[in-house]
Amino acid sequence: MGQQQILLIVLGIIIVGIAIVIGIDNFQSKAVQANRDAVIIDLNYLASDAQAFFKKTKTYGGGEQSFIGYDIPSQLKTNDNGTYNVLSTQPLKVIIEGIGVEKEGNLGCSGSNNIKYRIIVEPGKSILQKIN
């Protein structure tokens, strides 16, 4: 083989390698975004579950205009998207935290943390917060 052919083969290998790295990075960022969306959807569902608890009478297993006694149903505490915990329960406010399974940050970044969101539920409204 001539020098020009070897150079073209090496150049082709470098371009394919770069394309593979970019593809892996894109896949990772899409996985993180999908997990972020899934955690937010789960937290919104749990917020509506807490609102339902607040509105139900104690006869039907509710809080009768209070969030005291609300807990996440056991089958919803952990799923493929993450883990969910009640951080605080007050008569007119409950705080639920969701920790995703994916880590945020750049590919190969060792200092990255899991996706983490918190939702504050009050009668008739909920506020979503991203936790760093």
N, C-alpha and C. Protein backbone atom coordinates (compact mmCIF):
# COMPACT_ATOMS: atom_id res chain seq x y z
N MET A 1 0.85 -1.19 0.00
CA MET A 1 0.00 0.00 0.00
C MET A 1 0.88 1.24 0.00
N GLY A 2 0.34 2.24 -0.62
CA GLY A 2 1.07 3.49 -0.65
C GLY A 2 0.81 4.30 0.60
N GLN A 3 1.66 5.28 0.78
CA GLN A 3 1.53 6.15 1.95
C GLN A 3 0.18 6.87 1.98
N GLN A 4 -0.32 7.24 0.84
CA GLN A 4 -1.60 7.96 0.77
C GLN A 4 -2.75 7.06 1.21
N GLN A 5 -2.72 5.79 0.84
CA GLN A 5 -3.78 4.86 1.22
C GLN A 5 -3.77 4.60 2.73
N ILE A 6 -2.59 4.45 3.30
CA ILE A 6 -2.47 4.24 4.75
C ILE A 6 -2.99 5.47 5.49
N LEU A 7 -2.65 6.64 5.00
CA LEU A 7 -3.13 7.89 5.61
C LEU A 7 -4.65 7.97 5.57
N LEU A 8 -5.26 7.57 4.44
CA LEU A 8 -6.72 7.59 4.33
C LEU A 8 -7.36 6.58 5.27
N ILE A 9 -6.76 5.42 5.44
CA ILE A 9 -7.30 4.42 6.37
C ILE A 9 -7.23 4.94 7.81
N VAL A 10 -6.10 5.51 8.19
CA VAL A 10 -5.95 6.07 9.55
C VAL A 10 -6.96 7.20 9.76
N LEU A 11 -7.09 8.06 8.76
CA LEU A 11 -8.06 9.16 8.86
C LEU A 11 -9.49 8.62 9.00
N GLY A 12 -9.81 7.58 8.24
CA GLY A 12 -11.14 6.95 8.33
C GLY A 12 -11.39 6.37 9.71
N ILE A 13 -10.38 5.71 10.29
CA ILE A 13 -10.52 5.13 11.64
C ILE A 13 -10.75 6.23 12.67
N ILE A 14 -10.04 7.33 12.55
CA ILE A 14 -10.20 8.46 13.49
C ILE A 14 -11.61 9.04 13.38
N ILE A 15 -12.10 9.22 12.16
CA ILE A 15 -13.45 9.78 11.97
C ILE A 15 -14.51 8.84 12.54
N VAL A 16 -14.37 7.54 12.32
CA VAL A 16 -15.33 6.57 12.87
C VAL A 16 -15.27 6.59 14.39
N GLY A 17 -14.08 6.68 14.97
CA GLY A 17 -13.94 6.74 16.43
C GLY A 17 -14.62 7.96 17.02
N ILE A 18 -14.44 9.09 16.38
CA ILE A 18 -15.09 10.32 16.85
C ILE A 18 -16.60 10.20 16.74
N ALA A 19 -17.09 9.62 15.64
CA ALA A 19 -18.54 9.43 15.47
C ALA A 19 -19.11 8.53 16.56
N ILE A 20 -18.38 7.49 16.93
CA ILE A 20 -18.84 6.58 18.00
C ILE A 20 -18.92 7.32 19.33
N VAL A 21 -17.91 8.10 19.66
CA VAL A 21 -17.92 8.85 20.92
C VAL A 21 -19.08 9.84 20.96
N ILE A 22 -19.31 10.54 19.86
CA ILE A 22 -20.43 11.49 19.80
C ILE A 22 -21.77 10.76 19.94
N GLY A 23 -21.88 9.60 19.31
CA GLY A 23 -23.11 8.81 19.42
C GLY A 23 -23.37 8.35 20.85
N ILE A 24 -22.34 7.90 21.53
CA ILE A 24 -22.49 7.46 22.93
C ILE A 24 -22.89 8.64 23.81
N ASP A 25 -22.28 9.80 23.59
CA ASP A 25 -22.61 10.99 24.38
C ASP A 25 -24.06 11.42 24.14
N ASN A 26 -24.51 11.38 22.89
CA ASN A 26 -25.91 11.72 22.59
C ASN A 26 -26.87 10.74 23.24
N PHE A 27 -26.54 9.47 23.19
CA PHE A 27 -27.39 8.46 23.81
C PHE A 27 -27.49 8.71 25.31
N GLN A 28 -26.38 9.00 25.95
CA GLN A 28 -26.36 9.26 27.40
C GLN A 28 -27.20 10.48 27.75
N SER A 29 -27.07 11.55 26.97
CA SER A 29 -27.84 12.76 27.28
C SER A 29 -29.34 12.52 27.09
N LYS A 30 -29.71 11.70 26.10
CA LYS A 30 -31.13 11.37 25.90
C LYS A 30 -31.65 10.52 27.05
N ALA A 31 -30.82 9.61 27.56
CA ALA A 31 -31.23 8.77 28.69
C ALA A 31 -31.44 9.62 29.94
N VAL A 32 -30.56 10.60 30.15
CA VAL A 32 -30.70 11.50 31.31
C VAL A 32 -31.98 12.32 31.18
N GLN A 33 -32.25 12.86 29.99
CA GLN A 33 -33.45 13.66 29.78
C GLN A 33 -34.71 12.81 29.97
N ALA A 34 -34.70 11.59 29.47
CA ALA A 34 -35.86 10.71 29.64
C ALA A 34 -36.09 10.40 31.10
N ASN A 35 -35.02 10.16 31.86
CA ASN A 35 -35.18 9.88 33.29
C ASN A 35 -35.67 11.11 34.04
N ARG A 36 -35.17 12.28 33.67
CA ARG A 36 -35.62 13.53 34.29
C ARG A 36 -37.13 13.70 34.07
N ASP A 37 -37.58 13.49 32.84
CA ASP A 37 -39.01 13.62 32.53
C ASP A 37 -39.83 12.60 33.31
N ALA A 38 -39.33 11.37 33.41
CA ALA A 38 -40.06 10.32 34.11
C ALA A 38 -40.18 10.63 35.61
N VAL A 39 -39.11 11.15 36.21
CA VAL A 39 -39.16 11.51 37.64
C VAL A 39 -40.18 12.63 37.86
N ILE A 40 -40.20 13.61 36.97
CA ILE A 40 -41.16 14.71 37.10
C ILE A 40 -42.59 14.19 36.96
N ILE A 41 -42.83 13.29 36.02
CA ILE A 41 -44.17 12.72 35.86
C ILE A 41 -44.57 11.95 37.11
N ASP A 42 -43.65 11.15 37.65
CA ASP A 42 -43.95 10.39 38.88
C ASP A 42 -44.26 11.33 40.05
N LEU A 43 -43.48 12.41 40.19
CA LEU A 43 -43.72 13.36 41.27
C LEU A 43 -45.07 14.05 41.12
N ASN A 44 -45.44 14.37 39.89
CA ASN A 44 -46.76 14.98 39.67
C ASN A 44 -47.88 14.00 40.01
N TYR A 45 -47.67 12.73 39.71
CA TYR A 45 -48.67 11.72 40.08
C TYR A 45 -48.78 11.62 41.60
N LEU A 46 -47.63 11.60 42.29
CA LEU A 46 -47.65 11.52 43.75
C LEU A 46 -48.28 12.77 44.36
N ALA A 47 -48.08 13.92 43.73
CA ALA A 47 -48.71 15.16 44.21
C ALA A 47 -50.23 15.04 44.10
N SER A 48 -50.73 14.48 43.00
CA SER A 48 -52.18 14.32 42.87
C SER A 48 -52.70 13.29 43.85
N ASP A 49 -51.88 12.26 44.15
CA ASP A 49 -52.27 11.27 45.16
C ASP A 49 -52.36 11.93 46.54
N ALA A 50 -51.41 12.81 46.84
CA ALA A 50 -51.44 13.53 48.13
C ALA A 50 -52.65 14.47 48.19
N GLN A 51 -52.97 15.11 47.07
CA GLN A 51 -54.16 15.99 47.04
C GLN A 51 -55.43 15.17 47.30
N ALA A 52 -55.50 13.98 46.71
CA ALA A 52 -56.66 13.11 46.94
C ALA A 52 -56.75 12.71 48.41
N PHE A 53 -55.60 12.39 49.01
CA PHE A 53 -55.57 12.05 50.44
C PHE A 53 -56.09 13.22 51.27
N PHE A 54 -55.66 14.43 50.92
CA PHE A 54 -56.06 15.64 51.64
C PHE A 54 -57.58 15.82 51.60
N LYS A 55 -58.20 15.54 50.46
CA LYS A 55 -59.62 15.80 50.27
C LYS A 55 -60.53 14.71 50.84
N LYS A 56 -60.00 13.49 50.96
CA LYS A 56 -60.82 12.38 51.46
C LYS A 56 -61.04 12.50 52.96
N THR A 57 -62.20 11.99 53.39
CA THR A 57 -62.46 11.93 54.83
C THR A 57 -61.68 10.77 55.44
N LYS A 58 -61.55 10.79 56.73
CA LYS A 58 -60.82 9.71 57.41
C LYS A 58 -61.52 8.37 57.24
N THR A 59 -62.83 8.41 57.07
CA THR A 59 -63.59 7.18 56.85
C THR A 59 -63.11 6.46 55.60
N TYR A 60 -62.72 7.22 54.59
CA TYR A 60 -62.26 6.64 53.32
C TYR A 60 -60.75 6.59 53.22
N GLY A 61 -60.05 6.73 54.32
CA GLY A 61 -58.59 6.61 54.34
C GLY A 61 -57.86 7.88 53.97
N GLY A 62 -58.51 9.01 54.14
CA GLY A 62 -57.88 10.29 53.81
C GLY A 62 -57.44 11.06 55.03
N GLY A 63 -57.07 12.29 54.80
CA GLY A 63 -56.57 13.13 55.88
C GLY A 63 -57.58 14.13 56.39
N GLU A 64 -58.73 14.22 55.71
CA GLU A 64 -59.80 15.14 56.11
C GLU A 64 -59.27 16.56 56.27
N GLN A 65 -58.85 17.15 55.14
CA GLN A 65 -58.31 18.51 55.04
C GLN A 65 -56.97 18.67 55.76
N SER A 66 -56.17 17.59 55.76
CA SER A 66 -54.83 17.62 56.34
C SER A 66 -53.95 16.60 55.60
N PHE A 67 -52.67 16.93 55.46
CA PHE A 67 -51.73 16.00 54.86
C PHE A 67 -51.09 15.08 55.90
N ILE A 68 -51.37 15.32 57.18
CA ILE A 68 -50.81 14.49 58.24
C ILE A 68 -51.27 13.04 58.02
N GLY A 69 -50.31 12.14 58.01
CA GLY A 69 -50.61 10.73 57.80
C GLY A 69 -50.40 10.27 56.37
N TYR A 70 -50.12 11.22 55.46
CA TYR A 70 -49.90 10.82 54.06
C TYR A 70 -48.56 10.12 53.94
N ASP A 71 -48.55 9.02 53.22
CA ASP A 71 -47.32 8.33 52.87
C ASP A 71 -47.46 7.82 51.45
N ILE A 72 -46.36 7.70 50.77
CA ILE A 72 -46.37 7.20 49.40
C ILE A 72 -46.75 5.72 49.44
N PRO A 73 -47.68 5.30 48.59
CA PRO A 73 -48.00 3.87 48.54
C PRO A 73 -46.74 3.04 48.29
N SER A 74 -46.63 1.91 48.95
CA SER A 74 -45.38 1.12 48.92
C SER A 74 -44.97 0.72 47.51
N GLN A 75 -45.94 0.45 46.63
CA GLN A 75 -45.58 0.04 45.27
C GLN A 75 -45.06 1.21 44.43
N LEU A 76 -45.21 2.45 44.92
CA LEU A 76 -44.75 3.62 44.18
C LEU A 76 -43.47 4.23 44.76
N LYS A 77 -42.97 3.70 45.87
CA LYS A 77 -41.77 4.28 46.49
C LYS A 77 -40.52 4.09 45.65
N THR A 78 -40.47 2.99 44.90
CA THR A 78 -39.33 2.72 44.03
C THR A 78 -39.85 2.12 42.73
N ASN A 79 -39.34 2.61 41.62
CA ASN A 79 -39.66 2.03 40.32
C ASN A 79 -38.45 2.16 39.40
N ASP A 80 -38.62 1.88 38.13
CA ASP A 80 -37.49 1.93 37.18
C ASP A 80 -36.95 3.33 37.00
N ASN A 81 -37.74 4.34 37.35
CA ASN A 81 -37.33 5.73 37.17
C ASN A 81 -36.51 6.26 38.34
N GLY A 82 -36.82 5.80 39.56
CA GLY A 82 -36.11 6.31 40.72
C GLY A 82 -36.75 5.90 42.03
N THR A 83 -36.38 6.62 43.08
CA THR A 83 -36.86 6.38 44.44
C THR A 83 -37.52 7.65 44.95
N TYR A 84 -38.65 7.49 45.65
CA TYR A 84 -39.44 8.63 46.11
C TYR A 84 -39.66 8.53 47.62
N ASN A 85 -39.51 9.67 48.30
CA ASN A 85 -39.66 9.72 49.75
C ASN A 85 -40.43 10.96 50.16
N VAL A 86 -41.20 10.83 51.24
CA VAL A 86 -41.84 11.99 51.85
C VAL A 86 -40.83 12.59 52.82
N LEU A 87 -40.45 13.84 52.57
CA LEU A 87 -39.46 14.50 53.42
C LEU A 87 -40.10 15.17 54.63
N SER A 88 -41.28 15.75 54.41
CA SER A 88 -41.93 16.51 55.48
C SER A 88 -43.44 16.45 55.29
N THR A 89 -44.13 16.30 56.39
CA THR A 89 -45.59 16.32 56.37
C THR A 89 -46.09 17.30 57.41
N GLN A 90 -46.86 18.27 56.97
CA GLN A 90 -47.49 19.25 57.85
C GLN A 90 -48.98 19.27 57.51
N PRO A 91 -49.79 19.85 58.36
CA PRO A 91 -51.24 19.84 58.06
C PRO A 91 -51.59 20.40 56.69
N LEU A 92 -50.90 21.45 56.24
CA LEU A 92 -51.25 22.07 54.96
C LEU A 92 -50.12 21.99 53.93
N LYS A 93 -49.16 21.11 54.15
CA LYS A 93 -48.06 20.98 53.19
C LYS A 93 -47.37 19.63 53.35
N VAL A 94 -47.05 19.02 52.21
CA VAL A 94 -46.24 17.80 52.21
C VAL A 94 -45.16 17.98 51.14
N ILE A 95 -43.94 17.53 51.46
CA ILE A 95 -42.82 17.66 50.54
C ILE A 95 -42.36 16.25 50.16
N ILE A 96 -42.31 15.99 48.85
CA ILE A 96 -41.93 14.68 48.33
C ILE A 96 -40.69 14.87 47.46
N GLU A 97 -39.72 13.98 47.64
CA GLU A 97 -38.48 14.05 46.88
C GLU A 97 -38.36 12.84 45.96
N GLY A 98 -37.87 13.07 44.76
CA GLY A 98 -37.62 11.99 43.81
C GLY A 98 -36.17 12.01 43.36
N ILE A 99 -35.53 10.85 43.44
CA ILE A 99 -34.13 10.72 43.02
C ILE A 99 -34.09 9.73 41.87
N GLY A 100 -33.69 10.20 40.70
CA GLY A 100 -33.65 9.37 39.50
C GLY A 100 -32.50 8.39 39.50
N VAL A 101 -32.56 7.46 38.55
CA VAL A 101 -31.51 6.44 38.45
C VAL A 101 -30.33 6.90 37.60
N GLU A 102 -30.55 7.88 36.73
CA GLU A 102 -29.47 8.38 35.86
C GLU A 102 -28.69 9.48 36.56
N LYS A 103 -27.43 9.60 36.19
CA LYS A 103 -26.59 10.67 36.73
C LYS A 103 -26.51 11.81 35.72
N GLU A 104 -26.63 13.04 36.24
CA GLU A 104 -26.49 14.21 35.38
C GLU A 104 -25.02 14.54 35.23
N GLY A 105 -24.67 15.18 34.16
CA GLY A 105 -23.29 15.58 33.95
C GLY A 105 -22.77 15.04 32.63
N ASN A 106 -21.53 15.33 32.35
CA ASN A 106 -20.91 14.92 31.09
C ASN A 106 -20.52 13.46 31.13
N LEU A 107 -20.37 12.89 29.96
CA LEU A 107 -19.97 11.50 29.84
C LEU A 107 -18.63 11.29 30.53
N GLY A 108 -18.58 10.32 31.40
CA GLY A 108 -17.35 10.02 32.10
C GLY A 108 -17.04 10.95 33.25
N CYS A 109 -17.92 11.84 33.58
CA CYS A 109 -17.69 12.78 34.68
C CYS A 109 -17.95 12.07 36.00
N SER A 110 -16.93 11.93 36.83
CA SER A 110 -17.09 11.18 38.07
C SER A 110 -17.81 11.98 39.15
N GLY A 111 -17.88 13.29 39.03
CA GLY A 111 -18.48 14.12 40.06
C GLY A 111 -19.97 14.36 39.86
N SER A 112 -20.59 13.67 38.92
CA SER A 112 -21.99 13.94 38.64
C SER A 112 -22.89 13.28 39.69
N ASN A 113 -24.08 13.87 39.88
CA ASN A 113 -25.03 13.38 40.87
C ASN A 113 -26.28 12.85 40.17
N ASN A 114 -27.03 12.04 40.89
CA ASN A 114 -28.29 11.55 40.37
C ASN A 114 -29.27 12.70 40.19
N ILE A 115 -30.19 12.53 39.26
CA ILE A 115 -31.26 13.50 39.04
C ILE A 115 -32.06 13.60 40.33
N LYS A 116 -32.35 14.82 40.78
CA LYS A 116 -33.07 14.99 42.04
C LYS A 116 -34.05 16.15 41.93
N TYR A 117 -35.32 15.86 42.22
CA TYR A 117 -36.37 16.87 42.21
C TYR A 117 -37.17 16.75 43.50
N ARG A 118 -37.81 17.85 43.85
CA ARG A 118 -38.67 17.91 45.03
C ARG A 118 -39.96 18.59 44.63
N ILE A 119 -41.08 18.09 45.14
CA ILE A 119 -42.36 18.73 44.87
C ILE A 119 -43.00 19.09 46.20
N ILE A 120 -43.43 20.34 46.33
CA ILE A 120 -44.11 20.83 47.53
C ILE A 120 -45.59 20.88 47.20
N VAL A 121 -46.37 20.12 47.95
CA VAL A 121 -47.80 20.01 47.69
C VAL A 121 -48.56 20.74 48.79
N GLU A 122 -49.40 21.67 48.37
CA GLU A 122 -50.28 22.41 49.27
C GLU A 122 -51.69 22.25 48.73
N PRO A 123 -52.72 22.55 49.52
CA PRO A 123 -54.09 22.39 49.03
C PRO A 123 -54.31 23.15 47.72
N GLY A 124 -54.62 22.40 46.67
CA GLY A 124 -54.94 23.01 45.38
C GLY A 124 -53.75 23.38 44.51
N LYS A 125 -52.51 23.18 44.97
CA LYS A 125 -51.36 23.52 44.12
C LYS A 125 -50.14 22.70 44.50
N SER A 126 -49.20 22.65 43.58
CA SER A 126 -47.93 21.99 43.85
C SER A 126 -46.82 22.74 43.13
N ILE A 127 -45.64 22.73 43.74
CA ILE A 127 -44.50 23.47 43.22
C ILE A 127 -43.35 22.49 43.05
N LEU A 128 -42.83 22.38 41.83
CA LEU A 128 -41.73 21.49 41.52
C LEU A 128 -40.42 22.26 41.62
N GLN A 129 -39.42 21.65 42.28
CA GLN A 129 -38.10 22.27 42.42
C GLN A 129 -37.03 21.28 42.02
N LYS A 130 -36.03 21.77 41.29
CA LYS A 130 -34.87 20.95 40.97
C LYS A 130 -33.86 21.12 42.10
N ILE A 131 -33.33 20.01 42.57
CA ILE A 131 -32.36 20.04 43.65
C ILE A 131 -30.98 19.76 43.04
N ASN A 132 -30.01 20.58 43.39
CA ASN A 132 -28.66 20.42 42.84
C ASN A 132 -27.90 19.35 43.55
